[in-house]
């Protein structure tokens, strides 16, 4: 099989795993086929994101790196600094794709898309995200309130909950958050410090 034929067949599924190729190509999926994948990767036709996961190389410029995060390491969802920056809640540009996972903490590096950092939280608190789709690639991203609570939980030993401390993070003054949702997400962690930070954040915003 040549790459043009392969590309035509995969154009609707530009991000794929080798196990999916086995189902799509069936009898054509053999040692020669796997050698082709390696050759196409070397030529830049395919981008290997991790073992067994590939992206069609000619669409790499069209994708934000965070669109790939949920597939690189699952289950996971984009959260923390990346989500907060994407929503405009913090002003800083973020160059590492930060995500939450119920699996162990992990870091992946990719020469095309940079660093992906996944941090573990308890399964009971895993959630509070929505699913979006770009170019037939589904990815998970935290709701604004969950991204903030995840940030509080994982930085609870650094953030003291004071007005001055919150002001140092320069949270967007016009952040129109849902207070009930924020508290509900905080309680999922069953952590006193996280609840304290969440409650203080609400008080801080109410007084601005």
C-alpha atoms as a PDB file:
ATOM      1  CA  UNK A   1       0.000   0.000   0.000  1.00  0.00           C
ATOM      2  CA  UNK A   2       1.282   3.469  -0.831  1.00  0.00           C
ATOM      3  CA  UNK A   3       0.841   6.485   1.436  1.00  0.00           C
ATOM      4  CA  UNK A   4      -1.604   8.281  -0.880  1.00  0.00           C
ATOM      5  CA  UNK A   5      -4.057   5.387  -0.615  1.00  0.00           C
ATOM      6  CA  UNK A   6      -3.508   5.154   3.123  1.00  0.00           C
ATOM      7  CA  UNK A   7      -4.002   8.916   3.559  1.00  0.00           C
ATOM      8  CA  UNK A   8      -7.229   8.857   1.567  1.00  0.00           C
ATOM      9  CA  UNK A   9      -8.649   6.088   3.720  1.00  0.00           C
ATOM     10  CA  UNK A  10      -7.633   7.778   6.994  1.00  0.00           C
ATOM     11  CA  UNK A  11      -8.548  11.392   6.152  1.00  0.00           C
ATOM     12  CA  UNK A  12     -11.649  11.247   8.374  1.00  0.00           C
ATOM     13  CA  UNK A  13      -9.640   9.724  11.240  1.00  0.00           C
ATOM     14  CA  UNK A  14      -6.339  11.657  11.333  1.00  0.00           C
ATOM     15  CA  UNK A  15      -5.448  10.520  14.874  1.00  0.00           C
ATOM     16  CA  UNK A  16      -5.341   6.750  15.257  1.00  0.00           C
ATOM     17  CA  UNK A  17      -3.846   3.800  17.094  1.00  0.00           C
ATOM     18  CA  UNK A  18      -2.329   0.747  15.463  1.00  0.00           C
ATOM     19  CA  UNK A  19      -5.041  -1.430  16.999  1.00  0.00           C
ATOM     20  CA  UNK A  20      -7.605   0.638  15.095  1.00  0.00           C
ATOM     21  CA  UNK A  21      -5.681   0.160  11.857  1.00  0.00           C
ATOM     22  CA  UNK A  22      -5.942  -3.574  12.355  1.00  0.00           C
ATOM     23  CA  UNK A  23      -9.731  -3.293  12.283  1.00  0.00           C
ATOM     24  CA  UNK A  24      -9.791  -0.899   9.324  1.00  0.00           C
ATOM     25  CA  UNK A  25      -7.293  -2.652   7.041  1.00  0.00           C
ATOM     26  CA  UNK A  26      -7.918  -6.225   8.213  1.00  0.00           C
ATOM     27  CA  UNK A  27      -6.020  -8.649   5.924  1.00  0.00           C
ATOM     28  CA  UNK A  28      -3.697  -5.884   4.717  1.00  0.00           C
ATOM     29  CA  UNK A  29      -2.487  -5.319   8.260  1.00  0.00           C
ATOM     30  CA  UNK A  30       0.735  -7.341   8.340  1.00  0.00           C
ATOM     31  CA  UNK A  31       4.478  -6.956   8.848  1.00  0.00           C
ATOM     32  CA  UNK A  32       4.850  -5.059   5.568  1.00  0.00           C
ATOM     33  CA  UNK A  33       2.114  -2.668   6.651  1.00  0.00           C
ATOM     34  CA  UNK A  34       3.896  -2.005   9.957  1.00  0.00           C
ATOM     35  CA  UNK A  35       7.141  -1.372   8.077  1.00  0.00           C
ATOM     36  CA  UNK A  36       5.292   1.192   5.971  1.00  0.00           C
ATOM     37  CA  UNK A  37       4.186   2.985   9.129  1.00  0.00           C
ATOM     38  CA  UNK A  38       7.789   3.233  10.255  1.00  0.00           C
ATOM     39  CA  UNK A  39       8.928   4.527   6.852  1.00  0.00           C
ATOM     40  CA  UNK A  40       6.133   7.081   6.700  1.00  0.00           C
ATOM     41  CA  UNK A  41       7.049   8.261  10.172  1.00  0.00           C
ATOM     42  CA  UNK A  42      10.689   8.731   9.123  1.00  0.00           C
ATOM     43  CA  UNK A  43       9.552  10.769   6.119  1.00  0.00           C
ATOM     44  CA  UNK A  44       7.295  12.948   8.272  1.00  0.00           C
ATOM     45  CA  UNK A  45       4.096  11.697   6.711  1.00  0.00           C
ATOM     46  CA  UNK A  46       3.049  10.401  10.123  1.00  0.00           C
ATOM     47  CA  UNK A  47       3.811  11.771  13.577  1.00  0.00           C
ATOM     48  CA  UNK A  48       4.260   9.273  16.382  1.00  0.00           C
ATOM     49  CA  UNK A  49       2.812  10.761  19.578  1.00  0.00           C
ATOM     50  CA  UNK A  50       3.530   7.742  21.738  1.00  0.00           C
ATOM     51  CA  UNK A  51       3.865   4.006  21.199  1.00  0.00           C
ATOM     52  CA  UNK A  52       1.019   2.898  18.951  1.00  0.00           C
ATOM     53  CA  UNK A  53      -0.499   6.362  18.467  1.00  0.00           C
ATOM     54  CA  UNK A  54      -0.062   8.344  15.234  1.00  0.00           C
ATOM     55  CA  UNK A  55      -1.235  11.566  13.622  1.00  0.00           C
ATOM     56  CA  UNK A  56      -1.330  12.401   9.918  1.00  0.00           C
ATOM     57  CA  UNK A  57       1.639  14.730   9.505  1.00  0.00           C
ATOM     58  CA  UNK A  58       0.074  17.187   7.080  1.00  0.00           C
ATOM     59  CA  UNK A  59      -2.459  18.486   9.624  1.00  0.00           C
ATOM     60  CA  UNK A  60      -0.034  19.196  12.471  1.00  0.00           C
ATOM     61  CA  UNK A  61      -0.058  22.949  11.818  1.00  0.00           C
ATOM     62  CA  UNK A  62      -3.850  23.024  12.087  1.00  0.00           C
ATOM     63  CA  UNK A  63      -4.048  21.570  15.584  1.00  0.00           C
ATOM     64  CA  UNK A  64      -3.628  23.131  18.988  1.00  0.00           C
ATOM     65  CA  UNK A  65      -1.482  20.714  21.060  1.00  0.00           C
ATOM     66  CA  UNK A  66      -4.169  20.424  23.729  1.00  0.00           C
ATOM     67  CA  UNK A  67      -6.514  18.749  21.227  1.00  0.00           C
ATOM     68  CA  UNK A  68      -4.309  15.652  21.385  1.00  0.00           C
ATOM     69  CA  UNK A  69      -3.909  15.400  25.155  1.00  0.00           C
ATOM     70  CA  UNK A  70      -6.874  13.150  25.951  1.00  0.00           C
ATOM     71  CA  UNK A  71      -5.726  10.538  23.444  1.00  0.00           C
ATOM     72  CA  UNK A  72      -2.066  10.523  24.422  1.00  0.00           C
ATOM     73  CA  UNK A  73      -2.872   9.429  27.978  1.00  0.00           C
ATOM     74  CA  UNK A  74      -6.331   8.237  28.946  1.00  0.00           C
ATOM     75  CA  UNK A  75      -8.479   8.700  30.866  1.00  0.00           C
ATOM     76  CA  UNK A  76      -7.607  12.377  31.179  1.00  0.00           C
ATOM     77  CA  UNK A  77      -8.864  15.878  30.555  1.00  0.00           C
ATOM     78  CA  UNK A  78      -7.087  19.190  29.965  1.00  0.00           C
ATOM     79  CA  UNK A  79      -7.171  21.283  33.124  1.00  0.00           C
ATOM     80  CA  UNK A  80      -5.034  23.405  35.474  1.00  0.00           C
ATOM     81  CA  UNK A  81      -2.930  26.156  33.876  1.00  0.00           C
ATOM     82  CA  UNK A  82      -3.664  25.162  30.275  1.00  0.00           C
ATOM     83  CA  UNK A  83      -7.436  25.260  30.730  1.00  0.00           C
ATOM     84  CA  UNK A  84      -7.303  28.397  32.915  1.00  0.00           C
ATOM     85  CA  UNK A  85      -5.229  30.184  30.286  1.00  0.00           C
ATOM     86  CA  UNK A  86      -7.467  28.947  27.465  1.00  0.00           C
ATOM     87  CA  UNK A  87     -10.522  30.373  29.247  1.00  0.00           C
ATOM     88  CA  UNK A  88      -8.724  33.646  29.931  1.00  0.00           C
ATOM     89  CA  UNK A  89      -8.948  33.143  33.712  1.00  0.00           C
ATOM     90  CA  UNK A  90      -5.190  33.657  34.073  1.00  0.00           C
ATOM     91  CA  UNK A  91      -3.274  35.983  31.743  1.00  0.00           C
ATOM     92  CA  UNK A  92      -0.109  33.954  31.232  1.00  0.00           C
ATOM     93  CA  UNK A  93       0.543  31.950  28.079  1.00  0.00           C
ATOM     94  CA  UNK A  94       1.050  28.274  28.923  1.00  0.00           C
ATOM     95  CA  UNK A  95       3.378  26.102  26.860  1.00  0.00           C
ATOM     96  CA  UNK A  96       3.000  22.780  28.681  1.00  0.00           C
ATOM     97  CA  UNK A  97      -0.318  20.997  28.161  1.00  0.00           C
ATOM     98  CA  UNK A  98      -1.480  20.314  31.718  1.00  0.00           C
ATOM     99  CA  UNK A  99      -4.057  17.602  32.292  1.00  0.00           C
ATOM    100  CA  UNK A 100      -5.714  15.606  35.042  1.00  0.00           C
ATOM    101  CA  UNK A 101      -5.824  11.813  35.092  1.00  0.00           C
ATOM    102  CA  UNK A 102      -7.038   9.096  37.426  1.00  0.00           C
ATOM    103  CA  UNK A 103      -3.881   7.145  36.537  1.00  0.00           C
ATOM    104  CA  UNK A 104      -0.388   7.819  37.815  1.00  0.00           C
ATOM    105  CA  UNK A 105       1.334  11.146  37.150  1.00  0.00           C
ATOM    106  CA  UNK A 106       3.084  11.086  33.776  1.00  0.00           C
ATOM    107  CA  UNK A 107       5.014  13.358  31.393  1.00  0.00           C
ATOM    108  CA  UNK A 108       5.265  12.927  27.619  1.00  0.00           C
ATOM    109  CA  UNK A 109       7.540  14.899  25.288  1.00  0.00           C
ATOM    110  CA  UNK A 110       6.942  15.389  21.575  1.00  0.00           C
ATOM    111  CA  UNK A 111       9.205  17.326  19.221  1.00  0.00           C
ATOM    112  CA  UNK A 112       6.233  18.714  17.296  1.00  0.00           C
ATOM    113  CA  UNK A 113       3.783  19.456  20.096  1.00  0.00           C
ATOM    114  CA  UNK A 114       5.941  19.898  23.185  1.00  0.00           C
ATOM    115  CA  UNK A 115       5.362  18.660  26.718  1.00  0.00           C
ATOM    116  CA  UNK A 116       2.270  16.976  28.129  1.00  0.00           C
ATOM    117  CA  UNK A 117       2.034  16.816  31.917  1.00  0.00           C
ATOM    118  CA  UNK A 118      -0.623  14.631  33.546  1.00  0.00           C
ATOM    119  CA  UNK A 119      -1.282  14.822  37.275  1.00  0.00           C
ATOM    120  CA  UNK A 120      -3.159  12.204  39.234  1.00  0.00           C
ATOM    121  CA  UNK A 121      -6.185  12.874  41.417  1.00  0.00           C
ATOM    122  CA  UNK A 122      -8.498  10.472  43.228  1.00  0.00           C
ATOM    123  CA  UNK A 123     -11.113   8.762  41.074  1.00  0.00           C
ATOM    124  CA  UNK A 124     -13.949  10.294  43.111  1.00  0.00           C
ATOM    125  CA  UNK A 125     -12.844  13.766  41.985  1.00  0.00           C
ATOM    126  CA  UNK A 126     -12.166  12.829  38.373  1.00  0.00           C
ATOM    127  CA  UNK A 127     -14.762  14.581  36.229  1.00  0.00           C
ATOM    128  CA  UNK A 128     -16.223  17.995  35.586  1.00  0.00           C
ATOM    129  CA  UNK A 129     -15.166  18.198  31.941  1.00  0.00           C
ATOM    130  CA  UNK A 130     -16.844  18.466  28.589  1.00  0.00           C
ATOM    131  CA  UNK A 131     -16.028  16.670  25.334  1.00  0.00           C
ATOM    132  CA  UNK A 132     -15.194  18.681  22.239  1.00  0.00           C
ATOM    133  CA  UNK A 133     -14.254  17.503  18.762  1.00  0.00           C
ATOM    134  CA  UNK A 134     -11.840  19.016  16.240  1.00  0.00           C
ATOM    135  CA  UNK A 135     -11.232  17.289  12.881  1.00  0.00           C
ATOM    136  CA  UNK A 136     -12.986  14.216  14.206  1.00  0.00           C
ATOM    137  CA  UNK A 137     -10.609  14.138  17.180  1.00  0.00           C
ATOM    138  CA  UNK A 138     -12.499  14.121  20.505  1.00  0.00           C
ATOM    139  CA  UNK A 139     -10.783  15.691  23.486  1.00  0.00           C
ATOM    140  CA  UNK A 140     -11.772  16.427  27.073  1.00  0.00           C
ATOM    141  CA  UNK A 141     -11.392  19.833  28.703  1.00  0.00           C
ATOM    142  CA  UNK A 142     -12.323  20.822  32.246  1.00  0.00           C
ATOM    143  CA  UNK A 143     -15.182  23.185  32.878  1.00  0.00           C
ATOM    144  CA  UNK A 144     -13.807  26.540  34.111  1.00  0.00           C
ATOM    145  CA  UNK A 145     -14.817  25.876  37.722  1.00  0.00           C
ATOM    146  CA  UNK A 146     -13.254  22.400  37.720  1.00  0.00           C
ATOM    147  CA  UNK A 147     -10.002  23.684  36.231  1.00  0.00           C
ATOM    148  CA  UNK A 148      -9.809  26.202  39.080  1.00  0.00           C
ATOM    149  CA  UNK A 149     -10.581  23.643  41.809  1.00  0.00           C
ATOM    150  CA  UNK A 150      -8.075  21.188  40.321  1.00  0.00           C
ATOM    151  CA  UNK A 151      -5.526  24.019  40.463  1.00  0.00           C
ATOM    152  CA  UNK A 152      -6.339  24.728  44.115  1.00  0.00           C
ATOM    153  CA  UNK A 153      -6.107  21.053  45.076  1.00  0.00           C
ATOM    154  CA  UNK A 154      -2.787  20.359  43.402  1.00  0.00           C
ATOM    155  CA  UNK A 155      -1.272  23.634  44.636  1.00  0.00           C
ATOM    156  CA  UNK A 156      -2.792  23.573  48.117  1.00  0.00           C
ATOM    157  CA  UNK A 157       0.646  23.459  49.759  1.00  0.00           C
ATOM    158  CA  UNK A 158       1.662  26.651  47.920  1.00  0.00           C
ATOM    159  CA  UNK A 159      -1.516  28.756  47.992  1.00  0.00           C
ATOM    160  CA  UNK A 160      -2.342  30.162  51.438  1.00  0.00           C
ATOM    161  CA  UNK A 161      -5.773  31.552  50.563  1.00  0.00           C
ATOM    162  CA  UNK A 162      -5.021  35.166  51.412  1.00  0.00           C
ATOM    163  CA  UNK A 163      -6.220  38.081  49.314  1.00  0.00           C
ATOM    164  CA  UNK A 164      -2.627  38.975  48.459  1.00  0.00           C
ATOM    165  CA  UNK A 165      -1.907  35.413  47.400  1.00  0.00           C
ATOM    166  CA  UNK A 166      -4.936  35.269  45.093  1.00  0.00           C
ATOM    167  CA  UNK A 167      -4.078  38.673  43.651  1.00  0.00           C
ATOM    168  CA  UNK A 168      -0.629  37.325  42.766  1.00  0.00           C
ATOM    169  CA  UNK A 169      -2.212  34.865  40.351  1.00  0.00           C
ATOM    170  CA  UNK A 170      -4.046  37.723  38.578  1.00  0.00           C
ATOM    171  CA  UNK A 171      -7.282  35.822  38.105  1.00  0.00           C
ATOM    172  CA  UNK A 172      -9.522  37.558  35.579  1.00  0.00           C
ATOM    173  CA  UNK A 173     -11.850  40.012  37.329  1.00  0.00           C
ATOM    174  CA  UNK A 174     -14.669  39.264  34.900  1.00  0.00           C
ATOM    175  CA  UNK A 175     -14.519  35.491  35.469  1.00  0.00           C
ATOM    176  CA  UNK A 176     -18.250  34.685  35.554  1.00  0.00           C
ATOM    177  CA  UNK A 177     -18.094  31.446  37.509  1.00  0.00           C
ATOM    178  CA  UNK A 178     -20.924  29.328  38.907  1.00  0.00           C
ATOM    179  CA  UNK A 179     -20.530  29.437  42.706  1.00  0.00           C
ATOM    180  CA  UNK A 180     -22.642  26.331  43.328  1.00  0.00           C
ATOM    181  CA  UNK A 181     -20.693  24.336  40.762  1.00  0.00           C
ATOM    182  CA  UNK A 182     -17.389  25.564  42.185  1.00  0.00           C
ATOM    183  CA  UNK A 183     -18.332  24.350  45.677  1.00  0.00           C
ATOM    184  CA  UNK A 184     -19.631  21.020  44.400  1.00  0.00           C
ATOM    185  CA  UNK A 185     -16.378  20.306  42.574  1.00  0.00           C
ATOM    186  CA  UNK A 186     -14.377  21.293  45.645  1.00  0.00           C
ATOM    187  CA  UNK A 187     -16.287  18.895  47.901  1.00  0.00           C
ATOM    188  CA  UNK A 188     -15.434  15.985  45.596  1.00  0.00           C
ATOM    189  CA  UNK A 189     -11.852  16.094  46.849  1.00  0.00           C
ATOM    190  CA  UNK A 190     -12.914  15.747  50.485  1.00  0.00           C
ATOM    191  CA  UNK A 191      -9.940  17.931  51.405  1.00  0.00           C
ATOM    192  CA  UNK A 192     -10.146  20.678  54.037  1.00  0.00           C
ATOM    193  CA  UNK A 193      -7.485  22.885  52.461  1.00  0.00           C
ATOM    194  CA  UNK A 194      -9.131  22.705  49.026  1.00  0.00           C
ATOM    195  CA  UNK A 195     -12.492  23.651  50.549  1.00  0.00           C
ATOM    196  CA  UNK A 196     -10.826  26.489  52.442  1.00  0.00           C
ATOM    197  CA  UNK A 197      -9.197  27.856  49.285  1.00  0.00           C
ATOM    198  CA  UNK A 198     -12.432  27.585  47.321  1.00  0.00           C
ATOM    199  CA  UNK A 199     -14.454  29.358  50.007  1.00  0.00           C
ATOM    200  CA  UNK A 200     -11.850  32.099  50.313  1.00  0.00           C
ATOM    201  CA  UNK A 201     -11.737  32.550  46.567  1.00  0.00           C
ATOM    202  CA  UNK A 202     -15.512  33.081  46.536  1.00  0.00           C
ATOM    203  CA  UNK A 203     -15.246  35.624  49.375  1.00  0.00           C
ATOM    204  CA  UNK A 204     -12.394  37.383  47.589  1.00  0.00           C
ATOM    205  CA  UNK A 205     -14.362  37.687  44.347  1.00  0.00           C
ATOM    206  CA  UNK A 206     -17.538  38.789  46.135  1.00  0.00           C
ATOM    207  CA  UNK A 207     -15.670  41.729  47.672  1.00  0.00           C
ATOM    208  CA  UNK A 208     -14.073  43.009  44.454  1.00  0.00           C
END
